[in-house]
Amino acid sequence: MRLVNISFVKEGSVLARHIRNSNGKVLLGEGIVLNRQYLTKLRYLGFDMLFVQDERFLDVEINPIISDKTKEIVYDTIQNVTTSLEKDNLNPKAIDGGSVRNAIVNIIEDLLYSSDILSNLTDIMGYDEYTYHHSVNTTVLALLLGMGKGYNHSRLLELGMGVLMHDIGKTKVPKEILNIKGSLKKEEFEEIKKHSSYGYEFIKNNQDFSLHSAHVALQHHEKWNGGGYPRGLIGDDIHEFGRIAAVADVYEALTSKRPYRDALEPYQAYEYVVAQSGFQFDPEIVKVFTQNVAVYPTGSGVELSNGLRGNVIKQNKSLPNRPIVRAVFNGNEPLQGFIDFDLAKHLSLMITKVENR
């Protein structure tokens, strides 16, 4: 399979992976021939990247990092928590900690048994599902960083439960402020900033969550250099869970499409995180991030410095910025067959452009 921007998907292409909405419902199934109507509808829904079949990539599998079953469990959990809070007048005890724990256990198990975590951290989703998408992927990335730090299962569980609920305080922020798409006035931003403290109180007052988990909600917007909120903490005064969540939260937000802006390419978000080491982020957490997150996720369309174009087909765990690329074009002209370049061995070659077409 190959990842292609929907603008370059030709009518008659065959879908290589199910497209699902956040409820787990299949919108289009694997094997469907993509006609003009399907492509138009997918664009309308905000899907701009698709996995399609390509005979030159028959041996390339890009498996979701967490299973569809786990996604459904996590989504239901988020939905039920939000609904319960709304029905019970934002009562923190309305949060079902047991369901949150179960959701995190499922994610951890999927990560432990994933054959290639570097391949594809995020799924292809439209921006209509942003809240779900952000919560799930931020949690997955935070747990991946926790594993990189050597956390045991119980510590991963505490971290994951906190990250999945890290934005729960936004349920107490007026929706008319949350839904503002342009620049915020000072007083509006001050109101949004309160979500960290609201979330902390929600989680702290629920006996199913540890105080460590509550600190994720409180401190995920703190910055290593002291420029964050709500308390302006500096360095190690920030709980390690908060420092992990800060990296995961920002990376995921940057790589997610929103109604008012396009997503950054993963390599651009990666470079931002690295550039903010020692400023916005804990250098040690950034180091773990660079060791566990692919600069160019498997499937990404890239151009090499020799002018050949193709897709990343595999990662080099020890060199996340030097993947294996299968070239299938010379400029715009298709090659006869394909050529695989392991950039860990072809040191003179570089990726010069990311272009999924």
Protein backbone atom coordinates (compact mmCIF):
# COMPACT_ATOMS: atom_id res chain seq x y z
CA MET A 1 0.00 0.00 0.00
CA ARG A 2 1.00 3.61 -0.53
CA LEU A 3 -0.03 6.86 1.13
CA VAL A 4 -1.27 9.45 -1.36
CA ASN A 5 -2.74 12.94 -1.04
CA ILE A 6 -6.36 12.77 -2.16
CA SER A 7 -5.64 15.49 -4.76
CA PHE A 8 -3.40 12.98 -6.58
CA VAL A 9 -5.58 9.89 -6.16
CA LYS A 10 -6.82 8.84 -9.57
CA GLU A 11 -10.35 7.64 -10.15
CA GLY A 12 -10.25 3.86 -10.30
CA SER A 13 -7.63 3.55 -7.53
CA VAL A 14 -8.35 0.85 -4.96
CA LEU A 15 -8.54 1.70 -1.27
CA ALA A 16 -5.94 -0.27 0.71
CA ARG A 17 -7.31 0.30 4.22
CA HIS A 18 -10.75 0.84 5.70
CA ILE A 19 -11.74 4.44 6.32
CA ARG A 20 -13.67 4.70 9.57
CA ASN A 21 -15.28 7.48 11.51
CA SER A 22 -14.57 7.93 15.21
CA ASN A 23 -17.43 5.58 16.16
CA GLY A 24 -15.58 2.81 14.36
CA LYS A 25 -18.16 2.72 11.57
CA VAL A 26 -16.67 1.88 8.19
CA LEU A 27 -17.26 4.74 5.77
CA LEU A 28 -15.46 2.98 2.91
CA GLY A 29 -14.05 -0.52 3.04
CA GLU A 30 -10.70 -1.84 1.94
CA GLY A 31 -10.87 -2.92 -1.70
CA ILE A 32 -13.41 -0.27 -2.75
CA VAL A 33 -12.73 1.28 -6.15
CA LEU A 34 -12.57 5.03 -5.63
CA ASN A 35 -14.81 6.92 -8.03
CA ARG A 36 -15.39 10.66 -8.32
CA GLN A 37 -18.34 10.62 -5.88
CA TYR A 38 -16.35 8.86 -3.17
CA LEU A 39 -13.37 11.18 -3.56
CA THR A 40 -15.57 14.28 -3.46
CA LYS A 41 -17.34 13.10 -0.29
CA LEU A 42 -14.05 12.24 1.44
CA ARG A 43 -12.67 15.70 0.65
CA TYR A 44 -15.83 17.24 2.09
CA LEU A 45 -15.40 15.24 5.30
CA GLY A 46 -11.82 16.50 5.64
CA PHE A 47 -9.92 13.35 4.63
CA ASP A 48 -6.98 14.44 2.52
CA MET A 49 -4.62 11.41 2.76
CA LEU A 50 -5.55 7.89 1.64
CA PHE A 51 -3.85 4.51 1.58
CA VAL A 52 -4.24 3.03 -1.90
CA GLN A 53 -3.14 -0.23 -3.46
CA ASP A 54 -0.08 -0.14 -5.70
CA GLU A 55 1.46 -3.26 -7.25
CA ARG A 56 4.93 -1.82 -6.64
CA PHE A 57 4.20 -1.80 -2.87
CA LEU A 58 2.45 -5.15 -2.45
CA ASP A 59 4.98 -6.20 0.19
CA VAL A 60 4.57 -3.03 2.25
CA GLU A 61 2.15 -3.20 5.19
CA ILE A 62 1.40 -0.17 7.31
CA ASN A 63 -0.59 -1.40 10.27
CA PRO A 64 -2.43 0.95 12.65
CA ILE A 65 -0.55 1.35 15.91
CA ILE A 66 -3.69 0.53 17.88
CA SER A 67 -6.49 -1.77 16.79
CA ASP A 68 -9.95 -0.74 15.64
CA LYS A 69 -11.38 -2.48 18.71
CA THR A 70 -9.19 -0.38 21.00
CA LYS A 71 -10.14 2.81 19.16
CA GLU A 72 -13.82 2.03 19.68
CA ILE A 73 -13.25 1.37 23.38
CA VAL A 74 -11.32 4.61 23.83
CA TYR A 75 -13.84 6.67 21.86
CA ASP A 76 -16.77 5.27 23.86
CA THR A 77 -14.89 6.11 27.05
CA ILE A 78 -14.31 9.72 26.03
CA GLN A 79 -17.92 10.10 24.89
CA ASN A 80 -19.33 8.57 28.09
CA VAL A 81 -17.14 10.72 30.34
CA THR A 82 -18.18 13.90 28.54
CA THR A 83 -21.87 12.93 28.56
CA SER A 84 -21.77 11.98 32.24
CA LEU A 85 -20.20 15.30 33.21
CA GLU A 86 -22.83 17.22 31.26
CA LYS A 87 -25.70 15.23 32.80
CA ASP A 88 -24.35 15.38 36.35
CA ASN A 89 -23.63 19.13 36.41
CA LEU A 90 -19.86 18.69 35.92
CA ASN A 91 -19.54 16.46 38.98
CA PRO A 92 -15.97 15.01 39.00
CA LYS A 93 -17.27 11.78 40.54
CA ALA A 94 -19.34 11.23 37.40
CA ILE A 95 -16.16 10.17 35.59
CA ASP A 96 -16.00 6.38 35.36
CA GLY A 97 -12.37 5.77 36.24
CA GLY A 98 -12.75 2.05 35.60
CA SER A 99 -13.60 2.59 31.94
CA VAL A 100 -10.68 5.00 31.56
CA ARG A 101 -8.35 2.42 33.12
CA ASN A 102 -9.66 -0.29 30.77
CA ALA A 103 -9.12 1.96 27.74
CA ILE A 104 -5.50 2.62 28.73
CA VAL A 105 -4.84 -1.08 29.40
CA ASN A 106 -5.97 -1.82 25.84
CA ILE A 107 -3.71 0.88 24.36
CA ILE A 108 -0.70 -0.34 26.36
CA GLU A 109 -1.27 -3.93 25.22
CA ASP A 110 -1.50 -2.83 21.57
CA LEU A 111 1.73 -0.83 21.88
CA LEU A 112 3.56 -3.71 23.53
CA TYR A 113 2.60 -6.06 20.70
CA SER A 114 3.08 -3.58 17.84
CA SER A 115 5.67 -4.83 15.36
CA ASP A 116 6.69 -1.38 14.13
CA ILE A 117 5.70 1.47 16.42
CA LEU A 118 7.71 3.97 14.39
CA SER A 119 5.65 3.31 11.28
CA ASN A 120 2.49 5.24 11.80
CA LEU A 121 1.71 7.09 15.02
CA THR A 122 -1.45 8.72 13.71
CA ASP A 123 -4.40 7.55 11.68
CA ILE A 124 -5.93 9.25 8.66
CA MET A 125 -8.97 11.11 9.94
CA GLY A 126 -10.98 14.18 9.03
CA TYR A 127 -10.95 17.26 11.18
CA ASP A 128 -14.58 16.76 12.21
CA GLU A 129 -13.32 14.19 14.70
CA TYR A 130 -10.56 16.38 16.16
CA THR A 131 -11.39 15.99 19.86
CA TYR A 132 -11.35 12.20 19.66
CA HIS A 133 -8.34 12.15 17.35
CA HIS A 134 -6.32 14.47 19.61
CA SER A 135 -7.11 12.63 22.85
CA VAL A 136 -6.26 9.21 21.44
CA ASN A 137 -3.08 10.15 19.60
CA THR A 138 -1.73 12.33 22.43
CA THR A 139 -2.24 9.40 24.80
CA VAL A 140 -0.56 6.94 22.42
CA LEU A 141 2.45 9.21 21.97
CA ALA A 142 2.75 9.93 25.70
CA LEU A 143 2.67 6.20 26.48
CA LEU A 144 5.30 5.60 23.82
CA LEU A 145 7.53 8.17 25.52
CA GLY A 146 6.79 6.59 28.89
CA MET A 147 7.91 3.24 27.51
CA GLY A 148 11.04 4.95 26.21
CA LYS A 149 11.67 6.16 29.76
CA GLY A 150 11.38 2.58 31.02
CA TYR A 151 8.11 2.96 32.94
CA ASN A 152 6.56 -0.20 34.35
CA HIS A 153 2.92 -1.10 33.68
CA SER A 154 1.44 0.67 36.71
CA ARG A 155 3.30 3.90 35.95
CA LEU A 156 2.23 3.73 32.31
CA LEU A 157 -1.34 3.28 33.51
CA GLU A 158 -1.15 6.40 35.69
CA LEU A 159 0.39 8.40 32.84
CA GLY A 160 -2.12 7.19 30.26
CA MET A 161 -5.18 7.81 32.44
CA GLY A 162 -3.99 11.35 33.05
CA VAL A 163 -3.23 12.09 29.40
CA LEU A 164 -6.52 10.69 28.11
CA MET A 165 -8.29 13.11 30.47
CA HIS A 166 -5.78 15.98 30.11
CA ASP A 167 -8.28 18.35 28.44
CA ILE A 168 -11.34 17.31 30.45
CA GLY A 169 -11.34 20.74 32.12
CA LYS A 170 -12.49 22.26 28.83
CA THR A 171 -15.97 20.95 29.59
CA LYS A 172 -16.18 23.79 32.12
CA VAL A 173 -15.03 26.48 29.65
CA PRO A 174 -17.89 28.23 27.78
CA LYS A 175 -18.33 26.63 24.35
CA GLU A 176 -18.59 30.00 22.64
CA ILE A 177 -15.00 30.70 23.73
CA LEU A 178 -13.69 27.21 22.85
CA ASN A 179 -15.17 27.46 19.37
CA ILE A 180 -13.59 30.79 18.46
CA LYS A 181 -11.55 30.22 15.28
CA GLY A 182 -9.68 33.50 15.09
CA SER A 183 -7.40 35.32 17.51
CA LEU A 184 -8.48 35.31 21.14
CA LYS A 185 -8.88 38.41 23.26
CA LYS A 186 -6.79 38.48 26.43
CA GLU A 187 -9.78 37.74 28.67
CA GLU A 188 -10.87 34.85 26.41
CA PHE A 189 -7.43 33.27 26.55
CA GLU A 190 -7.36 33.69 30.33
CA GLU A 191 -10.63 31.77 30.50
CA ILE A 192 -9.31 28.96 28.31
CA LYS A 193 -6.17 28.71 30.45
CA LYS A 194 -8.36 27.78 33.40
CA HIS A 195 -9.03 24.37 31.82
CA SER A 196 -5.78 23.08 33.33
CA SER A 197 -6.90 23.85 36.87
CA TYR A 198 -10.45 22.68 36.19
CA GLY A 199 -9.12 19.36 34.86
CA TYR A 200 -6.87 18.93 37.88
CA GLU A 201 -9.80 19.39 40.25
CA PHE A 202 -11.98 16.98 38.25
CA ILE A 203 -9.38 14.22 38.36
CA LYS A 204 -8.05 14.87 41.87
CA ASN A 205 -11.54 14.56 43.34
CA ASN A 206 -12.15 11.17 41.74
CA GLN A 207 -10.78 8.28 43.81
CA ASP A 208 -10.24 6.15 40.69
CA PHE A 209 -7.36 8.41 39.62
CA SER A 210 -4.01 9.00 41.31
CA LEU A 211 -2.68 12.45 42.14
CA HIS A 212 0.08 11.80 39.59
CA SER A 213 -2.59 11.43 36.88
CA ALA A 214 -4.23 14.67 37.99
CA HIS A 215 -0.94 16.54 37.51
CA VAL A 216 -1.06 15.78 33.78
CA ALA A 217 -4.15 17.96 33.43
CA LEU A 218 -2.66 20.66 35.66
CA GLN A 219 0.81 20.88 34.11
CA HIS A 220 0.64 19.90 30.42
CA HIS A 221 0.93 23.60 29.46
CA GLU A 222 3.88 24.34 31.75
CA LYS A 223 7.15 25.05 29.94
CA TRP A 224 10.66 23.96 30.85
CA ASN A 225 11.88 27.59 30.91
CA GLY A 226 9.04 28.80 33.12
CA GLY A 227 6.94 30.48 30.46
CA GLY A 228 3.91 28.23 30.74
CA TYR A 229 0.72 28.16 32.81
CA PRO A 230 -1.02 27.95 35.23
CA ARG A 231 1.86 28.32 37.71
CA GLY A 232 4.88 29.21 35.59
CA LEU A 233 6.89 26.26 36.94
CA ILE A 234 10.50 25.78 35.83
CA GLY A 235 12.44 22.62 34.93
CA ASP A 236 12.18 19.67 37.30
CA ASP A 237 9.53 21.47 39.35
CA ILE A 238 7.17 20.32 36.61
CA HIS A 239 5.95 16.76 37.20
CA GLU A 240 7.57 14.36 34.73
CA PHE A 241 4.12 13.30 33.52
CA GLY A 242 3.41 16.94 32.71
CA ARG A 243 6.69 17.24 30.80
CA ILE A 244 5.87 14.13 28.75
CA ALA A 245 2.32 15.29 28.07
CA ALA A 246 3.59 18.71 26.93
CA VAL A 247 5.66 17.15 24.12
CA ALA A 248 2.91 14.71 23.09
CA ASP A 249 0.22 17.41 23.18
CA VAL A 250 2.12 19.89 21.01
CA TYR A 251 3.40 17.34 18.47
CA GLU A 252 -0.07 15.88 18.00
CA ALA A 253 -1.71 19.29 17.71
CA LEU A 254 0.81 20.44 15.08
CA THR A 255 0.31 17.32 12.95
CA SER A 256 -3.51 17.48 13.09
CA LYS A 257 -5.66 19.19 10.52
CA ARG A 258 -8.08 21.75 11.91
CA PRO A 259 -10.97 23.59 10.22
CA TYR A 260 -8.96 26.82 10.31
CA ARG A 261 -5.50 25.51 9.35
CA ASP A 262 -3.71 22.65 7.62
CA ALA A 263 -1.58 20.18 9.52
CA LEU A 264 2.19 20.41 9.54
CA GLU A 265 4.11 17.52 8.02
CA PRO A 266 5.43 15.16 10.72
CA TYR A 267 9.04 16.18 9.98
CA GLN A 268 8.13 19.85 10.52
CA ALA A 269 6.50 19.10 13.88
CA TYR A 270 9.48 16.88 14.76
CA GLU A 271 11.87 19.75 14.02
CA TYR A 272 9.78 22.12 16.14
CA VAL A 273 9.93 19.79 19.14
CA VAL A 274 13.70 19.38 18.78
CA ALA A 275 14.19 23.14 18.40
CA GLN A 276 12.26 23.74 21.64
CA SER A 277 14.47 21.41 23.70
CA GLY A 278 15.59 23.33 26.77
CA PHE A 279 13.05 26.08 26.15
CA GLN A 280 9.50 24.76 25.96
CA PHE A 281 10.38 21.11 26.58
CA ASP A 282 12.53 19.01 28.91
CA PRO A 283 15.72 18.06 26.96
CA GLU A 284 15.61 14.53 28.35
CA ILE A 285 12.05 13.99 27.15
CA VAL A 286 12.97 15.42 23.74
CA LYS A 287 15.86 12.94 23.56
CA VAL A 288 13.44 10.06 24.20
CA PHE A 289 11.09 11.56 21.60
CA THR A 290 13.83 11.58 18.92
CA GLN A 291 14.63 7.95 19.67
CA ASN A 292 11.04 6.75 19.38
CA VAL A 293 9.26 8.90 16.79
CA ALA A 294 9.84 8.60 13.06
CA VAL A 295 10.76 11.82 11.28
CA TYR A 296 9.16 10.42 8.11
CA PRO A 297 6.39 7.93 9.00
CA THR A 298 6.15 4.79 6.91
CA GLY A 299 4.08 5.48 3.80
CA SER A 300 5.19 9.11 3.49
CA GLY A 301 5.84 10.28 -0.05
CA VAL A 302 9.33 11.78 -0.38
CA GLU A 303 11.78 13.10 -2.94
CA LEU A 304 15.47 12.23 -2.70
CA SER A 305 18.47 14.40 -3.46
CA ASN A 306 19.15 12.33 -6.61
CA GLY A 307 15.79 13.43 -8.05
CA LEU A 308 14.04 10.08 -7.54
CA ARG A 309 10.64 10.03 -5.87
CA GLY A 310 8.78 7.38 -3.90
CA ASN A 311 7.59 6.39 -0.44
CA VAL A 312 9.09 5.40 2.89
CA ILE A 313 8.61 1.64 3.26
CA LYS A 314 10.44 0.89 6.51
CA GLN A 315 12.14 2.58 9.46
CA ASN A 316 15.64 2.23 10.84
CA LYS A 317 15.08 2.09 14.60
CA SER A 318 18.58 3.36 15.39
CA LEU A 319 18.34 6.20 12.85
CA PRO A 320 14.76 7.55 12.79
CA ASN A 321 15.71 10.25 10.28
CA ARG A 322 17.23 7.75 7.79
CA PRO A 323 14.43 5.38 6.66
CA ILE A 324 14.28 2.97 3.73
CA VAL A 325 12.70 4.58 0.66
CA ARG A 326 11.26 2.84 -2.40
CA ALA A 327 11.71 5.06 -5.45
CA VAL A 328 9.16 4.63 -8.24
CA PHE A 329 9.49 7.93 -10.13
CA ASN A 330 12.31 9.90 -11.67
CA GLY A 331 10.82 13.37 -11.39
CA ASN A 332 7.36 12.86 -12.90
CA GLU A 333 8.36 9.87 -15.05
CA PRO A 334 7.59 6.39 -13.66
CA LEU A 335 10.54 4.02 -13.34
CA GLN A 336 10.55 0.55 -14.84
CA GLY A 337 10.03 -1.27 -11.57
CA PHE A 338 11.39 0.28 -8.39
CA ILE A 339 14.63 0.91 -6.48
CA ASP A 340 14.97 0.61 -2.70
CA PHE A 341 17.38 2.97 -0.93
CA ASP A 342 18.35 2.33 2.69
CA LEU A 343 19.37 5.82 3.74
CA ALA A 344 21.32 4.38 6.68
CA LYS A 345 23.67 2.92 4.05
CA HIS A 346 23.38 5.49 1.25
CA LEU A 347 24.79 8.32 3.32
CA SER A 348 25.19 10.67 0.36
CA LEU A 349 21.43 10.63 -0.24
CA MET A 350 19.01 12.91 1.60
CA ILE A 351 15.27 13.44 1.68
CA THR A 352 14.78 16.89 0.18
CA LYS A 353 11.00 17.10 0.05
CA VAL A 354 7.86 15.48 1.45
CA GLU A 355 5.19 15.15 -1.20
CA ASN A 356 2.47 12.52 -1.09
CA ARG A 357 1.53 12.08 -4.75
